[in-house]
N, C-alpha and C. Protein backbone atom coordinates (compact mmCIF):
# COMPACT_ATOMS: atom_id res chain seq x y z
N UNK A 1 0.84 -1.17 0.00
CA UNK A 1 0.00 0.00 0.00
C UNK A 1 0.89 1.24 0.00
N UNK A 2 0.59 2.15 -0.88
CA UNK A 2 1.37 3.37 -1.01
C UNK A 2 0.64 4.52 -0.32
N UNK A 3 1.38 5.26 0.45
CA UNK A 3 0.82 6.43 1.12
C UNK A 3 0.95 7.63 0.19
N UNK A 4 -0.18 8.22 -0.14
CA UNK A 4 -0.15 9.42 -0.98
C UNK A 4 -0.72 10.58 -0.18
N UNK A 5 0.00 11.65 -0.18
CA UNK A 5 -0.43 12.85 0.53
C UNK A 5 -0.96 13.83 -0.51
N UNK A 6 -2.19 14.29 -0.32
CA UNK A 6 -2.76 15.23 -1.28
C UNK A 6 -1.92 16.52 -1.35
N UNK A 7 -1.85 17.07 -2.53
CA UNK A 7 -1.09 18.31 -2.74
C UNK A 7 -1.62 19.42 -1.84
N UNK A 8 -2.93 19.46 -1.65
CA UNK A 8 -3.52 20.50 -0.81
C UNK A 8 -3.00 20.43 0.62
N UNK A 9 -2.75 19.24 1.13
CA UNK A 9 -2.21 19.09 2.48
C UNK A 9 -0.76 19.56 2.53
N UNK A 10 -0.01 19.27 1.50
CA UNK A 10 1.38 19.73 1.44
C UNK A 10 1.43 21.25 1.38
N UNK A 11 0.56 21.84 0.58
CA UNK A 11 0.50 23.31 0.45
C UNK A 11 0.09 23.94 1.78
N UNK A 12 -0.93 23.39 2.42
CA UNK A 12 -1.41 23.93 3.69
C UNK A 12 -0.35 23.81 4.78
N UNK A 13 0.33 22.68 4.83
CA UNK A 13 1.40 22.48 5.81
C UNK A 13 2.54 23.47 5.56
N UNK A 14 2.92 23.65 4.32
CA UNK A 14 3.98 24.60 3.97
C UNK A 14 3.57 26.02 4.34
N UNK A 15 2.31 26.36 4.06
CA UNK A 15 1.78 27.68 4.39
C UNK A 15 1.89 27.93 5.90
N UNK A 16 1.47 26.97 6.70
CA UNK A 16 1.54 27.13 8.15
C UNK A 16 2.98 27.24 8.65
N UNK A 17 3.86 26.46 8.08
CA UNK A 17 5.27 26.51 8.47
C UNK A 17 5.87 27.88 8.17
N UNK A 18 5.63 28.37 6.96
CA UNK A 18 6.16 29.68 6.56
C UNK A 18 5.57 30.78 7.44
N UNK A 19 4.26 30.75 7.66
CA UNK A 19 3.60 31.76 8.51
C UNK A 19 4.21 31.80 9.90
N UNK A 20 4.44 30.64 10.49
CA UNK A 20 4.96 30.60 11.84
C UNK A 20 6.42 31.00 11.93
N UNK A 21 7.20 30.68 10.92
CA UNK A 21 8.59 31.14 10.90
C UNK A 21 8.64 32.66 10.79
N UNK A 22 7.82 33.23 9.92
CA UNK A 22 7.77 34.69 9.77
C UNK A 22 7.27 35.33 11.06
N UNK A 23 6.22 34.79 11.65
CA UNK A 23 5.67 35.34 12.89
C UNK A 23 6.72 35.33 14.00
N UNK A 24 7.46 34.23 14.10
CA UNK A 24 8.54 34.15 15.10
C UNK A 24 9.59 35.23 14.83
N UNK A 25 9.97 35.38 13.57
CA UNK A 25 10.99 36.36 13.21
C UNK A 25 10.53 37.78 13.50
N UNK A 26 9.27 38.08 13.23
CA UNK A 26 8.75 39.42 13.50
C UNK A 26 8.76 39.70 15.00
N UNK A 27 8.36 38.72 15.79
CA UNK A 27 8.35 38.89 17.25
C UNK A 27 9.78 39.04 17.78
N UNK A 28 10.70 38.24 17.27
CA UNK A 28 12.10 38.34 17.69
C UNK A 28 12.69 39.68 17.29
N UNK A 29 12.32 40.17 16.11
CA UNK A 29 12.77 41.48 15.66
C UNK A 29 12.26 42.58 16.58
N UNK A 30 11.02 42.47 17.02
CA UNK A 30 10.47 43.46 17.93
C UNK A 30 11.24 43.45 19.25
N UNK A 31 11.62 42.28 19.72
CA UNK A 31 12.41 42.19 20.95
C UNK A 31 13.77 42.88 20.78
N UNK A 32 14.43 42.63 19.64
CA UNK A 32 15.72 43.28 19.38
C UNK A 32 15.55 44.80 19.32
N UNK A 33 14.49 45.24 18.65
CA UNK A 33 14.23 46.67 18.53
C UNK A 33 13.95 47.29 19.90
N UNK A 34 13.25 46.57 20.75
CA UNK A 34 12.96 47.07 22.10
C UNK A 34 14.25 47.25 22.90
N UNK A 35 15.15 46.30 22.79
CA UNK A 35 16.43 46.39 23.51
C UNK A 35 17.27 47.57 23.02
N UNK A 36 17.16 47.89 21.75
CA UNK A 36 17.98 48.94 21.15
C UNK A 36 17.26 50.29 21.08
N UNK A 37 16.10 50.37 21.68
CA UNK A 37 15.29 51.60 21.68
C UNK A 37 15.02 52.12 20.27
N UNK A 38 14.74 51.20 19.38
CA UNK A 38 14.41 51.56 18.00
C UNK A 38 12.90 51.48 17.80
N UNK A 39 12.48 51.88 16.60
CA UNK A 39 11.06 51.85 16.26
C UNK A 39 10.54 50.42 16.36
N UNK A 40 9.41 50.24 17.03
CA UNK A 40 8.88 48.93 17.34
C UNK A 40 7.87 48.45 16.31
N UNK A 41 7.65 47.16 16.33
CA UNK A 41 6.60 46.55 15.50
C UNK A 41 5.27 46.78 16.23
N UNK A 42 4.28 47.32 15.55
CA UNK A 42 2.99 47.55 16.22
C UNK A 42 2.37 46.23 16.71
N UNK A 43 1.72 46.32 17.88
CA UNK A 43 1.07 45.13 18.43
C UNK A 43 0.01 44.59 17.48
N UNK A 44 -0.65 45.48 16.75
CA UNK A 44 -1.65 45.05 15.78
C UNK A 44 -1.02 44.12 14.74
N UNK A 45 0.20 44.42 14.31
CA UNK A 45 0.91 43.57 13.35
C UNK A 45 1.17 42.19 13.94
N UNK A 46 1.61 42.16 15.19
CA UNK A 46 1.89 40.88 15.84
C UNK A 46 0.61 40.04 15.96
N UNK A 47 -0.47 40.69 16.35
CA UNK A 47 -1.74 39.96 16.46
C UNK A 47 -2.27 39.53 15.10
N UNK A 48 -2.00 40.31 14.06
CA UNK A 48 -2.43 39.93 12.72
C UNK A 48 -1.71 38.65 12.29
N UNK A 49 -0.40 38.61 12.51
CA UNK A 49 0.35 37.38 12.17
C UNK A 49 -0.18 36.19 12.95
N UNK A 50 -0.50 36.41 14.22
CA UNK A 50 -1.04 35.33 15.04
C UNK A 50 -2.41 34.88 14.53
N UNK A 51 -3.23 35.82 14.12
CA UNK A 51 -4.61 35.51 13.69
C UNK A 51 -4.66 34.73 12.39
N UNK A 52 -3.73 35.01 11.47
CA UNK A 52 -3.80 34.34 10.17
C UNK A 52 -3.14 32.96 10.17
N UNK A 53 -2.59 32.55 11.31
CA UNK A 53 -2.03 31.21 11.39
C UNK A 53 -0.67 31.15 12.05
N UNK A 54 -0.13 32.27 12.45
CA UNK A 54 1.21 32.30 13.05
C UNK A 54 1.23 32.36 14.56
N UNK A 55 0.13 31.98 15.19
CA UNK A 55 0.04 32.08 16.65
C UNK A 55 1.08 31.20 17.34
N UNK A 56 1.37 30.04 16.80
CA UNK A 56 2.38 29.18 17.42
C UNK A 56 3.75 29.83 17.37
N UNK A 57 4.10 30.44 16.26
CA UNK A 57 5.38 31.13 16.14
C UNK A 57 5.48 32.30 17.10
N UNK A 58 4.40 33.07 17.22
CA UNK A 58 4.37 34.19 18.17
C UNK A 58 4.51 33.67 19.60
N UNK A 59 3.78 32.61 19.92
CA UNK A 59 3.81 32.05 21.28
C UNK A 59 5.20 31.51 21.62
N UNK A 60 5.83 30.81 20.68
CA UNK A 60 7.18 30.28 20.92
C UNK A 60 8.16 31.43 21.12
N UNK A 61 8.04 32.49 20.32
CA UNK A 61 8.92 33.65 20.48
C UNK A 61 8.67 34.34 21.82
N UNK A 62 7.42 34.43 22.23
CA UNK A 62 7.11 35.02 23.54
C UNK A 62 7.84 34.27 24.64
N UNK A 63 7.79 32.97 24.58
CA UNK A 63 8.41 32.14 25.62
C UNK A 63 9.93 32.14 25.53
N UNK A 64 10.46 31.96 24.34
CA UNK A 64 11.92 31.84 24.21
C UNK A 64 12.64 33.17 24.36
N UNK A 65 12.01 34.25 23.94
CA UNK A 65 12.63 35.58 24.01
C UNK A 65 12.18 36.35 25.25
N UNK A 66 11.22 35.79 25.98
CA UNK A 66 10.61 36.47 27.13
C UNK A 66 10.16 37.87 26.75
N UNK A 67 9.34 37.92 25.73
CA UNK A 67 8.89 39.19 25.18
C UNK A 67 7.37 39.25 25.20
N UNK A 68 6.83 40.32 25.71
CA UNK A 68 5.40 40.58 25.80
C UNK A 68 4.69 39.63 26.76
N UNK A 69 5.43 38.97 27.62
CA UNK A 69 4.83 37.99 28.53
C UNK A 69 4.10 38.65 29.69
N UNK A 70 4.33 39.92 29.93
CA UNK A 70 3.63 40.63 31.02
C UNK A 70 2.38 41.34 30.53
N UNK A 71 2.16 41.35 29.24
CA UNK A 71 0.99 42.01 28.68
C UNK A 71 -0.17 41.02 28.65
N UNK A 72 -1.24 41.34 29.38
CA UNK A 72 -2.38 40.43 29.43
C UNK A 72 -2.98 40.17 28.04
N UNK A 73 -2.94 41.18 27.18
CA UNK A 73 -3.49 40.97 25.84
C UNK A 73 -2.72 39.88 25.10
N UNK A 74 -1.44 39.77 25.35
CA UNK A 74 -0.63 38.71 24.72
C UNK A 74 -0.71 37.42 25.51
N UNK A 75 -0.68 37.50 26.84
CA UNK A 75 -0.74 36.29 27.67
C UNK A 75 -2.00 35.48 27.42
N UNK A 76 -3.10 36.17 27.17
CA UNK A 76 -4.37 35.47 26.95
C UNK A 76 -4.78 35.45 25.48
N UNK A 77 -4.43 36.50 24.75
CA UNK A 77 -4.84 36.62 23.35
C UNK A 77 -4.14 35.65 22.43
N UNK A 78 -2.83 35.49 22.61
CA UNK A 78 -2.09 34.59 21.72
C UNK A 78 -2.51 33.13 21.92
N UNK A 79 -2.62 32.63 23.16
CA UNK A 79 -3.14 31.26 23.31
C UNK A 79 -4.55 31.09 22.75
N UNK A 80 -5.39 32.12 22.90
CA UNK A 80 -6.75 32.03 22.34
C UNK A 80 -6.68 31.94 20.81
N UNK A 81 -5.81 32.76 20.21
CA UNK A 81 -5.65 32.69 18.75
C UNK A 81 -5.02 31.37 18.32
N UNK A 82 -4.16 30.82 19.15
CA UNK A 82 -3.58 29.50 18.84
C UNK A 82 -4.68 28.44 18.81
N UNK A 83 -5.58 28.48 19.77
CA UNK A 83 -6.71 27.53 19.76
C UNK A 83 -7.59 27.73 18.53
N UNK A 84 -7.81 28.99 18.18
CA UNK A 84 -8.59 29.29 16.97
C UNK A 84 -7.86 28.78 15.73
N UNK A 85 -6.54 28.98 15.66
CA UNK A 85 -5.74 28.46 14.54
C UNK A 85 -5.88 26.95 14.44
N UNK A 86 -5.79 26.28 15.58
CA UNK A 86 -5.91 24.81 15.60
C UNK A 86 -7.27 24.38 15.07
N UNK A 87 -8.31 25.06 15.51
CA UNK A 87 -9.67 24.71 15.07
C UNK A 87 -9.84 24.94 13.57
N UNK A 88 -9.43 26.11 13.09
CA UNK A 88 -9.63 26.45 11.68
C UNK A 88 -8.77 25.58 10.77
N UNK A 89 -7.48 25.52 11.07
CA UNK A 89 -6.60 24.72 10.21
C UNK A 89 -6.84 23.23 10.38
N UNK A 90 -7.25 22.82 11.57
CA UNK A 90 -7.63 21.42 11.78
C UNK A 90 -8.81 21.04 10.90
N UNK A 91 -9.79 21.94 10.84
CA UNK A 91 -10.96 21.70 9.97
C UNK A 91 -10.55 21.65 8.51
N UNK A 92 -9.63 22.53 8.11
CA UNK A 92 -9.16 22.51 6.72
C UNK A 92 -8.43 21.20 6.40
N UNK A 93 -7.58 20.76 7.32
CA UNK A 93 -6.89 19.48 7.10
C UNK A 93 -7.91 18.34 7.02
N UNK A 94 -8.91 18.38 7.88
CA UNK A 94 -9.94 17.35 7.85
C UNK A 94 -10.65 17.30 6.49
N UNK A 95 -11.00 18.48 6.00
CA UNK A 95 -11.69 18.56 4.71
C UNK A 95 -10.79 18.05 3.58
N UNK A 96 -9.53 18.46 3.59
CA UNK A 96 -8.61 18.05 2.51
C UNK A 96 -8.21 16.58 2.59
N UNK A 97 -8.27 15.99 3.77
CA UNK A 97 -7.89 14.58 3.90
C UNK A 97 -9.04 13.61 3.73
N UNK A 98 -10.25 14.11 3.57
CA UNK A 98 -11.41 13.25 3.40
C UNK A 98 -11.42 12.58 2.06
């Protein structure tokens, strides 16, 4: 028996991987900018990346860089968006794998 993975699943997986790598990089960049007192990445931008599928990348950056961890909007908002990402993308994977 040969295992075949639908192209749509490969595309969706690649999309999520790229989104989360970019989201992590944007959050890490904001941390560097904060340390150097440079112009910051707007919080709206960080939440946008999290909302479209990069919540895991944002959350990992929050934990590894210890950035925005004291802000309640991030402490509760990013995990909530991560759950939403799991639900939405989980449903998409379910549909594509049927």
